């Protein structure tokens, strides 16, 4: 088999494998989307509340930070409990820390 023929054969199989990979990726994305859509918005809301709480703490507004931490705890309490957890750490601990720093905990 000459070199150009082998290269064409190889590029044809690469195109087929790329198409197969693309089809598999699209199938997995559909499955992932159908499974994760209900909690995806909750996780984004949780992340936003945590970010707001950290920003309020950095600005020295502890009362507002506590409000955001309480909201984050409420959101995390609605998440599915499983292993591994959907969120990587218990936000309730951050709320406790904010309450202690404020002198109300």
Protein backbone atom coordinates (compact mmCIF):
# COMPACT_ATOMS: atom_id res chain seq x y z
CA UNK A 1 0.00 0.00 0.00
CA UNK A 2 1.51 3.30 -0.99
CA UNK A 3 1.89 6.21 1.43
CA UNK A 4 -0.86 8.53 0.02
CA UNK A 5 -3.38 5.69 0.07
CA UNK A 6 -2.55 4.88 3.69
CA UNK A 7 -2.89 8.57 4.64
CA UNK A 8 -6.30 8.79 2.96
CA UNK A 9 -7.43 5.60 4.68
CA UNK A 10 -6.20 6.92 8.02
CA UNK A 11 -7.86 10.33 7.56
CA UNK A 12 -11.11 8.62 6.62
CA UNK A 13 -11.07 6.54 9.80
CA UNK A 14 -10.17 9.65 11.82
CA UNK A 15 -13.17 11.48 10.39
CA UNK A 16 -15.41 8.54 11.24
CA UNK A 17 -14.04 8.34 14.77
CA UNK A 18 -14.46 12.11 15.17
CA UNK A 19 -18.10 11.82 14.07
CA UNK A 20 -18.63 8.90 16.42
CA UNK A 21 -17.04 10.87 19.28
CA UNK A 22 -19.24 13.86 18.47
CA UNK A 23 -22.38 11.69 18.48
CA UNK A 24 -21.42 10.13 21.81
CA UNK A 25 -20.66 13.55 23.31
CA UNK A 26 -24.03 14.90 22.15
CA UNK A 27 -25.79 11.86 23.59
CA UNK A 28 -24.02 12.26 26.93
CA UNK A 29 -24.82 15.97 26.97
CA UNK A 30 -28.52 15.21 26.46
CA UNK A 31 -28.46 12.69 29.29
CA UNK A 32 -26.52 15.05 31.58
CA UNK A 33 -28.85 17.95 30.79
CA UNK A 34 -31.95 15.93 31.55
CA UNK A 35 -30.49 14.77 34.85
CA UNK A 36 -28.87 17.99 36.03
CA UNK A 37 -31.25 20.73 34.89
CA UNK A 38 -33.36 20.71 38.07
CA UNK A 39 -30.37 21.31 40.34
CA UNK A 40 -28.26 23.39 37.97
CA UNK A 41 -30.23 26.55 38.71
CA UNK A 42 -30.13 25.86 42.43
CA UNK A 43 -26.36 25.45 42.32
CA UNK A 44 -25.97 28.73 40.45
CA UNK A 45 -28.21 30.47 43.00
CA UNK A 46 -26.19 28.92 45.81
CA UNK A 47 -22.91 30.08 44.27
CA UNK A 48 -24.32 33.59 43.80
CA UNK A 49 -25.45 33.77 47.44
CA UNK A 50 -22.05 32.60 48.63
CA UNK A 51 -20.31 35.17 46.45
CA UNK A 52 -22.63 37.94 47.71
CA UNK A 53 -21.98 36.88 51.30
CA UNK A 54 -18.22 36.93 50.81
CA UNK A 55 -18.38 40.33 49.13
CA UNK A 56 -20.54 41.74 51.94
CA UNK A 57 -18.08 40.37 54.49
CA UNK A 58 -15.16 41.94 52.62
CA UNK A 59 -17.01 45.27 52.63
CA UNK A 60 -17.58 44.99 56.37
CA UNK A 61 -21.37 44.62 56.13
CA UNK A 62 -21.79 41.61 58.43
CA UNK A 63 -25.58 41.84 58.74
CA UNK A 64 -26.04 41.68 54.98
CA UNK A 65 -23.51 38.84 54.79
CA UNK A 66 -25.51 36.87 57.36
CA UNK A 67 -28.65 37.36 55.27
CA UNK A 68 -26.86 35.96 52.21
CA UNK A 69 -25.43 33.04 54.20
CA UNK A 70 -28.91 32.22 55.52
CA UNK A 71 -30.21 32.25 51.96
CA UNK A 72 -27.37 29.97 50.87
CA UNK A 73 -28.18 27.54 53.69
CA UNK A 74 -31.85 27.47 52.63
CA UNK A 75 -30.83 26.70 49.05
CA UNK A 76 -28.38 23.99 50.12
CA UNK A 77 -31.04 22.39 52.30
CA UNK A 78 -33.17 21.85 49.17
CA UNK A 79 -30.41 20.00 47.30
CA UNK A 80 -30.45 16.23 46.98
CA UNK A 81 -28.42 14.53 49.70
CA UNK A 82 -26.02 11.98 48.31
CA UNK A 83 -22.40 10.99 48.07
CA UNK A 84 -20.62 12.86 46.69
CA UNK A 85 -22.65 15.90 47.73
CA UNK A 86 -23.89 18.30 45.07
CA UNK A 87 -22.07 21.19 46.77
CA UNK A 88 -18.55 20.59 47.99
CA UNK A 89 -18.81 21.94 51.54
CA UNK A 90 -21.52 22.63 54.13
CA UNK A 91 -22.49 26.29 53.82
CA UNK A 92 -24.01 26.13 57.29
CA UNK A 93 -20.48 26.29 58.71
CA UNK A 94 -19.88 29.60 56.94
CA UNK A 95 -23.12 30.94 58.38
CA UNK A 96 -21.95 29.90 61.83
CA UNK A 97 -18.65 31.66 61.29
CA UNK A 98 -20.42 34.85 60.19
CA UNK A 99 -22.69 34.72 63.23
CA UNK A 100 -19.71 34.27 65.56
CA UNK A 101 -17.83 37.15 63.93
CA UNK A 102 -20.91 39.33 64.35
CA UNK A 103 -21.24 38.35 68.00
CA UNK A 104 -24.71 36.88 67.55
CA UNK A 105 -23.78 33.21 67.36
